Amino acid sequence: MNTDSNIADLPLNQLSDDQFKSFFDDYMNEKGIREQSVVQGRVIGISDDWVTVDIQYKAEGLIAASEFRGPDNEMTIKVGDIVDVYLDSMGGDDGVLYLSKEKADLMKAWEEISQAVQRDEVVEGTVIARVKGGLQVDIGVKAFLPGSQVDLRPVKNLDKLLGETFQFKIIKFNKKRGNIVLSRRVLLEQEREEKREETLKNLTIGAIMTGVVKNITDYGAFVDLGGIDGLLHITDMSYGRLEHPSQMFEVGQAIEVKVLKYDPDSQRVSLGFKQIRPDPWDEAEYKYPVGAIVRGKVVSIPDYGAFVELEDGIEGLVHISEMTWNKRVKHPSKLVNVGDVIEAKVLGMDVENKRISLGMKQLETNPWDVVEQQYPVGSLIKGQVRNITDFGIFVGIDEGIDGLVHISDLSWGQRIKHPSERYQKGDEVEARVLSIDKESERFSLGIKQLSEDPWYTVHSRYFLGQVVEGPVVHRADFGIFVEIEDGVEGLVHLSELAHEGDDWQSHYPDNKVIRAEVIHIDSHDRKISLSERGALERSEGDVDGYMQNQGDAGARLGDVMGDLSAKFGGEGDGE
């Protein structure tokens, strides 16, 4: 029998079946055709269900036509095309070749991925499904992308990435187990570091740079300048009023910013947006001169007034005292609302502190001009008591103006500890106009001025030595005050009281009627001095004189006492 070494030299018709099979297998192996491998074949026939492929073997192979159909169900090949197919088996008893186009594509993909891993190359793939812990990506074969490797920051909604195509780095590869783990974050970190190095070359204070808004918070926005994040604070976004950064920017927006501060050690960057635009306050003094009439929108209403936006970045304050002539308005919201467009007059300008004072009432007729003409000094008015304080009462006048009756102008002489002793809110009162100060907006009234000052004519009613009487209205350390008529009080000094000693005040309670002699009158200083002792001595002198005059007639003591009692208005004791 011939050896295998010279089988090839024998004619084919002299070979046994075993020899021919051995020879053919060797030939096929030399051509690279073996089971469980990818081989090339020529398409020699196409039907609705099958594609016939010749791989230059003893038999032809069949592959399901569905493996060659595209998304639109059209065939992607034609007769004569060379295709790569996977040889599952070289035939059994039926002599059929088992081929697969899909397996060939898969084998090729695994081979390409294996080479990419060896060369440390990136691969491209499409996100096809959401799976537990991350995403499934088609890179020719199915691979796993963990959620932590999707982006530089955690992605809350992974579903939004479905159908997206990205580049990835293979961080784990096991062909036997069919396990491939990808990372997009690694590539993004590399890209960020490259951008960071480039950004650092241009990062200087005052530089104008372009960045992308990465995140928005209540206090500002973080802007990616290219590998380095900077903070754009809300106060550096606009010269005008801004409630929240989202009113101006949105995540992903590209904006131009100015570098305000940069700390190389901490690599903290402060950015400004408004700083690359003109400050509206540079021309405010010329655009809004004092006395000018302006229009603006009410943007805020604190307790003390209303802020009015004249333009973006410039606001003026209308203080509540400058909103209306009516002093009885307690809160600005009673006159204006946020969003109202109003007119006002410029009252003051402070460019250094960026403040403008505005007035609304200055555009209306000043009621003090009307009051000054309508109620001249000395005229009488009537009104209701609107308010009572420790120092007086306020009386309502026309045009929303209140006049003050000071406590000292309530009565000529009556001691009043508090105005509420004599008046209540709502009481109708009459008063005389004492003065009008239009600049200070003060309207002074007097009630006691409705009658003549009793001190002007006090000399016509009282004289030295006259005995008067009246109630005790006040006690002091040096004596007591006695009201001898409405508006006129006299002082009984301690030395002129009938009672002495440490407990002298107990003998003179309020409203006790005292008889006293007038011993001094000073109408200029409005003072009358009285003596209780003098009144008693005068009474005793009258009794002695009467007794002497009646003694010769044999008058009795009871008769004398009765006559004296009648003289001084007293009554007998009935005994």
Protein backbone atom coordinates (compact mmCIF):
# COMPACT_ATOMS: atom_id res chain seq x y z
CA MET A 1 0.00 0.00 0.00
CA ASN A 2 1.20 3.45 -0.80
CA THR A 3 2.13 5.82 2.03
CA ASP A 4 0.46 9.19 2.56
CA SER A 5 3.61 10.88 1.30
CA ASN A 6 3.12 9.72 -2.30
CA ILE A 7 -0.71 9.59 -2.49
CA ALA A 8 -0.65 12.79 -4.48
CA ASP A 9 1.49 11.10 -7.17
CA LEU A 10 -1.12 8.36 -7.86
CA PRO A 11 -3.92 8.74 -10.42
CA LEU A 12 -7.35 9.51 -8.82
CA ASN A 13 -8.88 6.29 -10.18
CA GLN A 14 -6.32 4.27 -8.24
CA LEU A 15 -7.16 5.82 -4.83
CA SER A 16 -9.41 4.10 -2.32
CA ASP A 17 -12.28 6.05 -0.74
CA ASP A 18 -10.36 6.56 2.49
CA GLN A 19 -7.29 7.70 0.59
CA PHE A 20 -9.34 10.18 -1.50
CA LYS A 21 -11.05 11.64 1.63
CA SER A 22 -7.71 12.03 3.40
CA PHE A 23 -6.23 13.69 0.32
CA PHE A 24 -9.23 16.06 -0.04
CA ASP A 25 -9.18 17.03 3.63
CA ASP A 26 -5.51 17.90 3.42
CA TYR A 27 -6.24 19.98 0.35
CA MET A 28 -9.06 21.82 2.08
CA ASN A 29 -6.97 22.54 5.16
CA GLU A 30 -4.29 24.04 2.96
CA LYS A 31 -6.95 26.38 1.51
CA GLY A 32 -8.14 27.30 5.04
CA ILE A 33 -11.43 25.45 4.76
CA ARG A 34 -12.20 23.69 7.99
CA GLU A 35 -15.12 23.23 10.33
CA GLN A 36 -15.86 25.93 12.97
CA SER A 37 -14.16 28.61 10.90
CA VAL A 38 -14.98 31.53 8.59
CA VAL A 39 -14.47 30.85 4.86
CA GLN A 40 -15.20 32.73 1.67
CA GLY A 41 -17.77 31.57 -0.86
CA ARG A 42 -19.45 32.74 -4.06
CA VAL A 43 -23.17 33.24 -4.31
CA ILE A 44 -24.40 31.01 -7.15
CA GLY A 45 -28.13 31.05 -6.50
CA ILE A 46 -30.82 33.12 -4.74
CA SER A 47 -34.41 32.02 -4.03
CA ASP A 48 -37.10 33.36 -1.71
CA ASP A 49 -35.98 31.10 1.13
CA TRP A 50 -32.38 30.16 0.43
CA VAL A 51 -29.10 31.46 -0.84
CA THR A 52 -26.76 28.88 -2.41
CA VAL A 53 -23.05 29.46 -1.75
CA ASP A 54 -20.07 27.65 -3.30
CA ILE A 55 -17.09 27.43 -0.96
CA GLN A 56 -15.19 25.13 -3.40
CA TYR A 57 -15.97 22.05 -1.45
CA LYS A 58 -17.38 18.76 -2.60
CA ALA A 59 -20.85 20.08 -1.87
CA GLU A 60 -22.55 23.46 -1.96
CA GLY A 61 -24.01 25.14 1.11
CA LEU A 62 -27.42 26.69 1.80
CA ILE A 63 -28.02 29.76 3.96
CA ALA A 64 -31.44 31.12 4.92
CA ALA A 65 -32.25 34.13 2.71
CA SER A 66 -33.40 36.06 5.83
CA GLU A 67 -29.75 36.37 6.85
CA PHE A 68 -29.12 38.55 3.80
CA ARG A 69 -32.15 40.81 4.01
CA GLY A 70 -31.82 44.42 5.10
CA PRO A 71 -34.19 46.54 7.23
CA ASP A 72 -36.49 47.08 4.21
CA ASN A 73 -36.58 43.31 3.53
CA GLU A 74 -34.53 43.76 0.35
CA MET A 75 -31.68 41.37 -0.47
CA THR A 76 -28.26 42.84 0.25
CA ILE A 77 -26.42 40.48 -2.18
CA LYS A 78 -26.61 39.26 -5.78
CA VAL A 79 -25.38 36.21 -7.69
CA GLY A 80 -21.61 36.32 -8.09
CA ASP A 81 -20.91 38.20 -4.84
CA ILE A 82 -18.16 36.91 -2.59
CA VAL A 83 -19.32 36.53 0.98
CA ASP A 84 -17.83 35.41 4.27
CA VAL A 85 -19.69 32.49 5.84
CA TYR A 86 -19.23 30.38 8.92
CA LEU A 87 -18.75 26.64 8.29
CA ASP A 88 -20.56 24.85 11.04
CA SER A 89 -20.15 21.32 9.62
CA MET A 90 -18.74 19.82 6.42
CA GLY A 91 -21.69 17.49 6.07
CA GLY A 92 -23.09 14.36 7.52
CA ASP A 93 -24.78 11.42 5.93
CA ASP A 94 -26.89 13.74 3.78
CA GLY A 95 -23.75 15.45 2.41
CA VAL A 96 -25.12 18.95 3.14
CA LEU A 97 -22.86 21.85 4.20
CA TYR A 98 -24.16 23.83 7.18
CA LEU A 99 -23.25 27.50 6.73
CA SER A 100 -24.19 30.75 8.52
CA LYS A 101 -23.74 34.35 7.46
CA GLU A 102 -24.72 35.70 10.93
CA LYS A 103 -22.17 33.53 12.72
CA ALA A 104 -19.51 34.68 10.29
CA ASP A 105 -20.32 38.31 11.06
CA LEU A 106 -20.20 37.52 14.76
CA MET A 107 -16.82 35.76 14.46
CA LYS A 108 -15.43 38.68 12.49
CA ALA A 109 -16.76 41.15 15.10
CA TRP A 110 -15.17 39.26 17.96
CA GLU A 111 -11.90 39.14 16.03
CA GLU A 112 -11.97 42.89 15.37
CA ILE A 113 -12.83 43.61 19.02
CA SER A 114 -10.01 41.35 20.17
CA GLN A 115 -7.56 43.24 17.98
CA ALA A 116 -8.93 46.59 19.21
CA VAL A 117 -8.30 45.48 22.79
CA GLN A 118 -4.74 44.46 21.94
CA ARG A 119 -4.09 47.82 20.22
CA ASP A 120 -5.89 49.79 22.99
CA GLU A 121 -8.27 51.33 20.45
CA VAL A 122 -11.74 52.77 20.90
CA VAL A 123 -14.83 51.17 19.43
CA GLU A 124 -18.09 52.66 18.21
CA GLY A 125 -21.45 51.34 19.23
CA THR A 126 -25.15 52.10 19.51
CA VAL A 127 -27.17 51.94 22.73
CA ILE A 128 -29.89 49.35 22.10
CA ALA A 129 -31.46 48.55 25.48
CA ARG A 130 -31.75 49.48 29.12
CA VAL A 131 -30.60 46.63 31.39
CA LYS A 132 -30.07 46.22 35.11
CA GLY A 133 -27.24 48.45 36.25
CA GLY A 134 -26.70 50.19 32.91
CA LEU A 135 -27.14 49.92 29.16
CA GLN A 136 -26.66 47.32 26.42
CA VAL A 137 -24.58 48.49 23.47
CA ASP A 138 -24.18 46.96 20.01
CA ILE A 139 -20.53 47.17 18.92
CA GLY A 140 -20.88 44.28 16.47
CA VAL A 141 -21.63 42.09 19.45
CA LYS A 142 -23.62 42.96 22.53
CA ALA A 143 -21.62 44.67 25.28
CA PHE A 144 -22.48 46.08 28.72
CA LEU A 145 -22.11 49.77 29.64
CA PRO A 146 -22.40 50.29 33.44
CA GLY A 147 -24.41 53.34 34.57
CA SER A 148 -21.35 54.74 36.35
CA GLN A 149 -19.40 54.71 33.05
CA VAL A 150 -21.98 56.53 30.93
CA ASP A 151 -20.86 60.10 31.62
CA LEU A 152 -18.70 62.24 33.88
CA ARG A 153 -21.72 62.89 36.10
CA PRO A 154 -24.48 60.40 37.00
CA VAL A 155 -27.22 60.33 34.35
CA LYS A 156 -30.66 60.27 35.96
CA ASN A 157 -32.57 59.20 32.83
CA LEU A 158 -30.68 56.49 30.94
CA ASP A 159 -33.62 55.87 28.61
CA LYS A 160 -32.93 59.12 26.78
CA LEU A 161 -29.69 57.56 25.43
CA LEU A 162 -31.43 54.72 23.61
CA GLY A 163 -30.57 54.78 19.91
CA GLU A 164 -27.59 57.13 20.45
CA THR A 165 -24.20 56.24 18.97
CA PHE A 166 -20.99 56.92 20.90
CA GLN A 167 -17.37 55.90 21.09
CA PHE A 168 -16.30 53.62 23.94
CA LYS A 169 -13.21 52.20 25.58
CA ILE A 170 -13.23 48.44 26.32
CA ILE A 171 -12.30 48.08 29.99
CA LYS A 172 -13.05 44.32 30.31
CA PHE A 173 -12.90 41.58 27.64
CA ASN A 174 -13.46 37.82 27.97
CA LYS A 175 -14.05 36.07 24.63
CA LYS A 176 -14.71 32.65 26.15
CA ARG A 177 -17.52 33.93 28.34
CA GLY A 178 -18.68 36.43 25.77
CA ASN A 179 -18.28 39.23 28.31
CA ILE A 180 -17.43 42.79 27.19
CA VAL A 181 -17.64 45.84 29.50
CA LEU A 182 -17.44 49.35 28.04
CA SER A 183 -16.74 52.83 29.37
CA ARG A 184 -17.61 56.17 27.83
CA ARG A 185 -16.52 58.06 30.93
CA VAL A 186 -12.84 57.13 30.43
CA LEU A 187 -12.84 58.81 27.02
CA LEU A 188 -14.67 61.88 28.38
CA GLU A 189 -12.11 62.22 31.18
CA GLN A 190 -9.27 62.03 28.67
CA GLU A 191 -11.01 64.63 26.51
CA ARG A 192 -11.62 66.87 29.50
CA GLU A 193 -7.98 66.69 30.58
CA GLU A 194 -6.85 67.65 27.08
CA LYS A 195 -9.27 70.59 27.08
CA ARG A 196 -8.20 71.50 30.60
CA GLU A 197 -4.57 71.86 29.58
CA GLU A 198 -5.60 74.04 26.64
CA THR A 199 -7.93 76.15 28.83
CA LEU A 200 -5.25 76.77 31.45
CA LYS A 201 -3.13 78.44 28.80
CA ASN A 202 -5.79 81.13 28.27
CA LEU A 203 -7.25 81.35 31.78
CA THR A 204 -6.38 84.80 33.13
CA ILE A 205 -8.35 87.38 35.12
CA GLY A 206 -10.25 89.61 32.71
CA ALA A 207 -10.23 87.08 29.86
CA ILE A 208 -13.43 86.66 27.82
CA MET A 209 -14.13 82.95 27.31
CA THR A 210 -16.88 80.77 25.87
CA GLY A 211 -18.33 78.02 28.05
CA VAL A 212 -21.29 75.70 28.34
CA VAL A 213 -23.77 75.81 31.22
CA LYS A 214 -23.44 72.48 33.04
CA ASN A 215 -25.63 72.96 36.08
CA ILE A 216 -28.01 75.57 37.51
CA THR A 217 -28.61 76.17 41.23
CA ASP A 218 -30.55 78.75 43.23
CA TYR A 219 -27.41 80.86 43.69
CA GLY A 220 -25.88 80.62 40.23
CA ALA A 221 -24.74 78.46 37.33
CA PHE A 222 -21.67 76.27 36.78
CA VAL A 223 -20.06 76.83 33.39
CA ASP A 224 -17.67 74.38 31.71
CA LEU A 225 -14.86 76.44 30.20
CA GLY A 226 -13.20 73.36 28.76
CA GLY A 227 -12.09 70.92 31.42
CA ILE A 228 -12.49 73.52 34.17
CA ASP A 229 -15.78 74.61 35.75
CA GLY A 230 -16.37 78.21 36.80
CA LEU A 231 -19.14 79.62 38.98
CA LEU A 232 -21.32 82.35 37.53
CA HIS A 233 -23.06 83.79 40.60
CA ILE A 234 -26.60 85.11 40.23
CA THR A 235 -25.42 88.61 41.21
CA ASP A 236 -23.01 88.61 38.26
CA MET A 237 -25.59 87.57 35.67
CA SER A 238 -27.54 90.77 35.20
CA TYR A 239 -27.49 94.40 36.27
CA GLY A 240 -31.24 94.06 36.80
CA ARG A 241 -33.35 92.13 39.28
CA LEU A 242 -33.16 88.35 38.84
CA GLU A 243 -35.16 85.89 40.94
CA HIS A 244 -33.52 82.69 39.66
CA PRO A 245 -30.68 81.86 37.22
CA SER A 246 -33.07 79.74 35.13
CA GLN A 247 -34.73 82.99 34.03
CA MET A 248 -31.62 83.69 31.92
CA PHE A 249 -29.88 80.40 31.21
CA GLU A 250 -30.51 76.71 30.62
CA VAL A 251 -28.31 73.63 30.87
CA GLY A 252 -26.35 73.02 27.65
CA GLN A 253 -26.44 76.67 26.58
CA ALA A 254 -23.18 78.13 25.24
CA ILE A 255 -22.45 81.58 26.72
CA GLU A 256 -19.68 84.15 26.74
CA VAL A 257 -18.32 85.03 30.20
CA LYS A 258 -15.57 87.09 31.79
CA VAL A 259 -13.06 85.67 34.29
CA LEU A 260 -13.41 87.72 37.49
CA LYS A 261 -11.25 85.66 39.86
CA TYR A 262 -8.95 82.65 39.46
CA ASP A 263 -7.11 80.74 42.19
CA PRO A 264 -4.51 78.38 40.59
CA ASP A 265 -4.07 76.42 43.83
CA SER A 266 -7.72 75.53 44.36
CA GLN A 267 -8.50 76.05 40.65
CA ARG A 268 -11.63 77.96 41.59
CA VAL A 269 -12.90 80.30 38.93
CA SER A 270 -15.45 83.12 39.41
CA LEU A 271 -17.19 84.30 36.26
CA GLY A 272 -19.24 87.29 35.23
CA PHE A 273 -21.82 87.71 32.50
CA LYS A 274 -23.00 91.26 33.06
CA GLN A 275 -19.40 92.53 33.25
CA ILE A 276 -18.92 92.19 29.48
CA ARG A 277 -21.82 94.60 28.94
CA PRO A 278 -22.02 98.35 29.72
CA ASP A 279 -23.18 99.27 33.23
CA PRO A 280 -26.45 101.23 32.81
CA TRP A 281 -25.51 103.35 35.86
CA ASP A 282 -22.69 104.96 33.83
CA GLU A 283 -25.27 107.16 32.09
CA ALA A 284 -28.00 107.19 34.76
CA GLU A 285 -27.15 110.70 35.99
CA TYR A 286 -27.74 112.10 32.50
CA LYS A 287 -30.75 109.97 31.63
CA TYR A 288 -32.59 110.57 34.93
CA PRO A 289 -31.79 114.09 36.18
CA VAL A 290 -33.36 115.40 39.39
CA GLY A 291 -36.80 116.81 38.59
CA ALA A 292 -37.38 114.58 35.56
CA ILE A 293 -40.68 112.70 35.17
CA VAL A 294 -40.02 108.98 34.56
CA ARG A 295 -42.04 105.83 33.93
CA GLY A 296 -41.26 102.39 35.31
CA LYS A 297 -42.61 99.06 36.49
CA VAL A 298 -43.13 98.20 40.15
CA VAL A 299 -40.94 95.16 40.87
CA SER A 300 -41.00 94.95 44.67
CA ILE A 301 -43.10 96.32 47.54
CA PRO A 302 -41.43 96.22 50.98
CA ASP A 303 -43.07 97.84 54.02
CA TYR A 304 -41.23 101.11 53.50
CA GLY A 305 -42.06 101.78 49.85
CA ALA A 306 -41.97 100.48 46.28
CA PHE A 307 -39.03 99.70 43.98
CA VAL A 308 -39.60 100.82 40.39
CA GLU A 309 -37.55 99.42 37.49
CA LEU A 310 -36.72 102.26 35.09
CA GLU A 311 -34.67 100.00 32.81
CA ASP A 312 -32.79 96.73 33.08
CA GLY A 313 -30.34 97.26 35.95
CA ILE A 314 -31.70 100.58 37.24
CA GLU A 315 -34.33 100.77 39.98
CA GLY A 316 -35.61 103.71 41.98
CA LEU A 317 -37.30 103.74 45.37
CA VAL A 318 -40.55 105.53 46.05
CA HIS A 319 -40.61 105.81 49.84
CA ILE A 320 -44.04 105.42 51.39
CA SER A 321 -43.82 109.02 52.59
CA GLU A 322 -43.43 110.13 48.95
CA MET A 323 -46.30 108.06 47.55
CA THR A 324 -49.24 110.16 48.67
CA TRP A 325 -50.03 113.31 50.67
CA ASN A 326 -52.42 111.22 52.74
CA LYS A 327 -50.58 110.26 55.93
CA ARG A 328 -53.14 107.62 56.82
CA VAL A 329 -51.91 105.09 54.21
CA LYS A 330 -50.19 102.37 56.28
CA HIS A 331 -48.71 100.17 53.52
CA PRO A 332 -47.54 100.80 49.92
CA SER A 333 -49.64 97.87 48.65
CA LYS A 334 -52.71 100.01 49.27
CA LEU A 335 -51.57 102.26 46.41
CA VAL A 336 -49.57 100.10 43.94
CA ASN A 337 -49.17 96.45 42.94
CA VAL A 338 -46.19 94.51 41.57
CA GLY A 339 -46.26 94.82 37.79
CA ASP A 340 -47.96 98.25 37.76
CA VAL A 341 -46.44 100.83 35.41
CA ILE A 342 -46.33 104.19 37.20
CA GLU A 343 -45.06 107.71 36.70
CA ALA A 344 -42.84 109.40 39.28
CA LYS A 345 -40.58 112.36 39.73
CA VAL A 346 -36.82 112.02 40.32
CA LEU A 347 -36.13 113.52 43.76
CA GLY A 348 -32.51 112.49 44.25
CA MET A 349 -29.62 110.64 42.56
CA ASP A 350 -26.72 108.79 44.24
CA VAL A 351 -24.63 107.24 41.46
CA GLU A 352 -21.91 105.99 43.81
CA ASN A 353 -24.34 103.88 45.83
CA LYS A 354 -26.60 103.29 42.81
CA ARG A 355 -29.72 104.79 44.35
CA ILE A 356 -32.48 106.91 42.86
CA SER A 357 -35.15 108.51 45.03
CA LEU A 358 -38.55 108.89 43.38
CA GLY A 359 -41.78 110.60 44.36
CA MET A 360 -45.34 109.99 43.25
CA LYS A 361 -47.16 112.58 45.32
CA GLN A 362 -45.11 115.35 43.69
CA LEU A 363 -47.15 114.81 40.51
CA GLU A 364 -50.35 115.71 42.40
CA THR A 365 -51.61 118.98 43.86
CA ASN A 366 -50.10 119.61 47.29
CA PRO A 367 -53.08 119.66 49.71
CA TRP A 368 -51.02 121.83 52.05
CA ASP A 369 -51.34 124.64 49.50
CA VAL A 370 -55.11 124.23 49.64
CA VAL A 371 -55.22 124.03 53.44
CA GLU A 372 -53.08 127.14 53.81
CA GLN A 373 -55.57 129.12 51.76
CA GLN A 374 -58.70 127.51 53.17
CA TYR A 375 -57.73 127.65 56.86
CA PRO A 376 -55.72 130.79 57.61
CA VAL A 377 -54.16 131.26 61.05
CA GLY A 378 -56.81 132.29 63.59
CA SER A 379 -59.73 130.65 61.76
CA LEU A 380 -61.98 128.06 63.41
CA ILE A 381 -62.33 124.48 62.24
CA LYS A 382 -64.35 121.44 63.22
CA GLY A 383 -63.27 117.83 62.92
CA GLN A 384 -63.22 114.40 64.47
CA VAL A 385 -60.54 113.13 66.84
CA ARG A 386 -58.61 110.59 64.72
CA ASN A 387 -55.86 109.67 67.14
CA ILE A 388 -54.88 110.26 70.78
CA THR A 389 -51.27 110.26 71.99
CA ASP A 390 -49.46 111.18 75.20
CA PHE A 391 -48.67 114.62 73.80
CA GLY A 392 -52.03 115.57 72.32
CA ILE A 393 -54.89 114.74 69.97
CA PHE A 394 -55.00 114.66 66.16
CA VAL A 395 -58.04 116.20 64.52
CA GLY A 396 -58.94 115.20 60.95
CA ILE A 397 -59.03 118.04 58.41
CA ASP A 398 -59.96 117.95 54.71
CA GLU A 399 -57.55 116.52 52.08
CA GLY A 400 -56.38 113.79 54.46
CA ILE A 401 -54.46 116.18 56.70
CA ASP A 402 -54.54 115.94 60.49
CA GLY A 403 -54.07 118.89 62.82
CA LEU A 404 -52.41 118.47 66.22
CA VAL A 405 -53.82 119.95 69.41
CA HIS A 406 -50.91 119.73 71.82
CA ILE A 407 -51.76 118.78 75.40
CA SER A 408 -50.63 122.26 76.48
CA ASP A 409 -53.25 123.79 74.19
CA LEU A 410 -56.20 121.79 75.53
CA SER A 411 -56.87 124.01 78.56
CA TRP A 412 -55.62 127.31 79.99
CA GLY A 413 -55.05 126.04 83.46
CA GLN A 414 -56.64 122.65 84.07
CA ARG A 415 -54.03 120.03 84.76
CA ILE A 416 -54.46 117.16 82.22
CA LYS A 417 -52.25 114.11 82.73
CA HIS A 418 -53.36 112.46 79.48
CA PRO A 419 -55.61 113.73 76.64
CA SER A 420 -57.76 110.59 76.94
CA GLU A 421 -59.10 112.01 80.22
CA ARG A 422 -61.15 114.48 78.18
CA TYR A 423 -61.37 113.08 74.59
CA GLN A 424 -62.05 109.84 72.75
CA LYS A 425 -61.58 108.83 69.11
CA GLY A 426 -64.48 110.01 67.03
CA ASP A 427 -65.33 112.98 69.24
CA GLU A 428 -66.35 116.08 67.30
CA VAL A 429 -64.24 119.04 68.45
CA GLU A 430 -63.83 122.68 67.52
CA ALA A 431 -60.40 124.30 67.49
CA ARG A 432 -58.59 127.41 66.35
CA VAL A 433 -55.77 127.35 63.74
CA LEU A 434 -52.53 128.37 65.47
CA SER A 435 -49.94 127.79 62.72
CA ILE A 436 -49.33 125.98 59.42
CA ASP A 437 -45.81 124.81 58.51
CA LYS A 438 -46.08 123.64 54.91
CA GLU A 439 -42.43 122.58 54.64
CA SER A 440 -42.57 120.37 57.74
CA GLU A 441 -46.23 119.50 57.04
CA ARG A 442 -47.38 120.49 60.51
CA PHE A 443 -50.81 121.88 61.31
CA SER A 444 -51.09 123.21 64.87
CA LEU A 445 -54.50 123.72 66.51
CA GLY A 446 -55.65 124.95 69.89
CA ILE A 447 -58.82 124.33 71.87
CA LYS A 448 -58.09 126.56 74.84
CA GLN A 449 -57.66 129.45 72.37
CA LEU A 450 -61.43 129.32 71.74
CA SER A 451 -61.81 131.34 74.96
CA GLU A 452 -59.89 134.30 76.35
CA ASP A 453 -56.89 133.63 78.54
CA PRO A 454 -58.21 134.17 82.08
CA TRP A 455 -54.79 135.45 83.19
CA TYR A 456 -55.17 138.53 80.99
CA THR A 457 -57.86 139.90 83.36
CA VAL A 458 -56.88 138.24 86.60
CA HIS A 459 -56.11 141.65 88.22
CA SER A 460 -59.68 142.72 87.63
CA ARG A 461 -61.04 139.80 89.64
CA TYR A 462 -58.50 139.28 92.44
CA PHE A 463 -56.70 141.59 94.87
CA LEU A 464 -54.30 141.21 97.77
CA GLY A 465 -55.99 140.23 101.03
CA GLN A 466 -58.97 138.68 99.25
CA VAL A 467 -60.08 135.32 100.65
CA VAL A 468 -60.82 132.74 97.95
CA GLU A 469 -61.62 129.04 98.01
CA GLY A 470 -61.27 126.09 95.66
CA PRO A 471 -60.47 122.36 95.45
CA VAL A 472 -56.99 120.86 95.80
CA VAL A 473 -55.88 119.81 92.29
CA HIS A 474 -52.24 118.97 92.87
CA ARG A 475 -49.76 118.32 95.67
CA ALA A 476 -46.04 118.97 95.48
CA ASP A 477 -43.18 118.73 97.96
CA PHE A 478 -43.35 122.48 98.49
CA GLY A 479 -47.14 122.86 98.86
CA ILE A 480 -50.54 122.44 97.20
CA PHE A 481 -52.24 123.94 94.14
CA VAL A 482 -55.82 125.16 94.49
CA GLU A 483 -58.08 125.86 91.52
CA ILE A 484 -59.81 129.18 92.25
CA GLU A 485 -61.51 129.30 88.82
CA ASP A 486 -61.36 127.46 85.48
CA GLY A 487 -57.88 128.07 84.14
CA VAL A 488 -56.52 129.79 87.23
CA GLU A 489 -54.67 128.00 90.03
CA GLY A 490 -53.02 129.36 93.14
CA LEU A 491 -50.13 127.93 95.14
CA VAL A 492 -50.38 127.52 98.90
CA HIS A 493 -46.76 127.13 99.94
CA LEU A 494 -45.90 124.66 102.69
CA SER A 495 -45.17 127.56 105.01
CA GLU A 496 -48.69 128.96 104.41
CA LEU A 497 -50.60 125.76 105.19
CA ALA A 498 -52.64 125.38 108.31
CA HIS A 499 -51.30 121.88 108.97
CA GLU A 500 -47.65 121.09 109.50
CA GLY A 501 -45.66 117.97 110.23
CA ASP A 502 -44.54 114.94 108.22
CA ASP A 503 -48.10 113.87 107.53
CA TRP A 504 -49.27 117.26 106.23
CA GLN A 505 -50.22 115.82 102.79
CA SER A 506 -52.84 113.54 104.36
CA HIS A 507 -54.77 116.65 105.39
CA TYR A 508 -55.05 117.80 101.76
CA PRO A 509 -56.56 115.06 99.59
CA ASP A 510 -57.62 115.77 95.99
CA ASN A 511 -60.73 117.93 95.61
CA LYS A 512 -60.74 119.09 99.25
CA VAL A 513 -62.03 122.69 99.28
CA ILE A 514 -59.52 125.10 100.85
CA ARG A 515 -60.05 128.73 101.92
CA ALA A 516 -56.99 130.92 101.43
CA GLU A 517 -55.95 134.55 101.29
CA VAL A 518 -54.44 136.11 98.15
CA ILE A 519 -50.95 137.28 99.13
CA HIS A 520 -49.29 137.75 95.69
CA ILE A 521 -50.40 138.13 92.03
CA ASP A 522 -48.10 137.90 88.96
CA SER A 523 -50.22 137.76 85.78
CA HIS A 524 -47.12 137.89 83.54
CA ASP A 525 -45.69 134.66 85.00
CA ARG A 526 -49.24 133.33 85.57
CA LYS A 527 -48.76 132.89 89.32
CA ILE A 528 -51.00 133.56 92.35
CA SER A 529 -49.70 132.87 95.85
CA LEU A 530 -52.20 131.93 98.56
CA SER A 531 -52.11 131.53 102.34
CA GLU A 532 -54.38 129.21 104.27
CA ARG A 533 -52.96 130.60 107.51
CA GLY A 534 -53.82 134.13 106.41
CA ALA A 535 -57.44 133.16 105.76
CA LEU A 536 -57.72 131.59 109.21
CA GLU A 537 -56.12 134.59 110.94
CA ARG A 538 -58.46 136.91 109.08
CA SER A 539 -61.42 134.79 110.27
CA GLU A 540 -60.21 134.89 113.88
CA GLY A 541 -59.74 138.67 113.65
CA ASP A 542 -63.31 139.07 112.51
CA VAL A 543 -64.58 137.07 115.51
CA ASP A 544 -62.57 139.14 118.03
CA GLY A 545 -63.79 142.41 116.56
CA TYR A 546 -67.37 141.29 116.52
CA MET A 547 -67.19 140.18 120.14
CA GLN A 548 -65.79 143.56 121.17
CA ASN A 549 -68.50 145.46 119.33
CA GLN A 550 -71.27 143.37 120.89
CA GLY A 551 -69.89 143.13 124.43
CA ASP A 552 -71.51 146.26 125.80
CA ALA A 553 -74.92 145.11 124.69
CA GLY A 554 -74.58 141.94 126.71
CA ALA A 555 -74.49 139.69 123.70
CA ARG A 556 -74.26 136.00 124.31
CA LEU A 557 -71.59 133.73 122.82
CA GLY A 558 -74.19 131.68 120.96
CA ASP A 559 -75.53 134.77 119.28
CA VAL A 560 -72.08 135.85 118.16
CA MET A 561 -71.24 132.39 116.71
CA GLY A 562 -74.55 132.34 114.90
CA ASP A 563 -73.87 135.72 113.30
CA LEU A 564 -70.37 134.69 112.24
CA SER A 565 -71.68 131.43 110.83
CA ALA A 566 -74.21 133.30 108.72
CA LYS A 567 -71.51 135.74 107.59
CA PHE A 568 -69.19 133.03 106.29
CA GLY A 569 -71.96 130.84 104.89
CA GLY A 570 -71.80 128.19 107.59
CA GLU A 571 -74.56 126.57 109.58
CA GLY A 572 -75.02 126.13 113.31
CA ASP A 573 -74.51 122.75 114.90
CA GLY A 574 -78.13 122.81 116.15
CA GLU A 575 -77.20 122.81 119.79
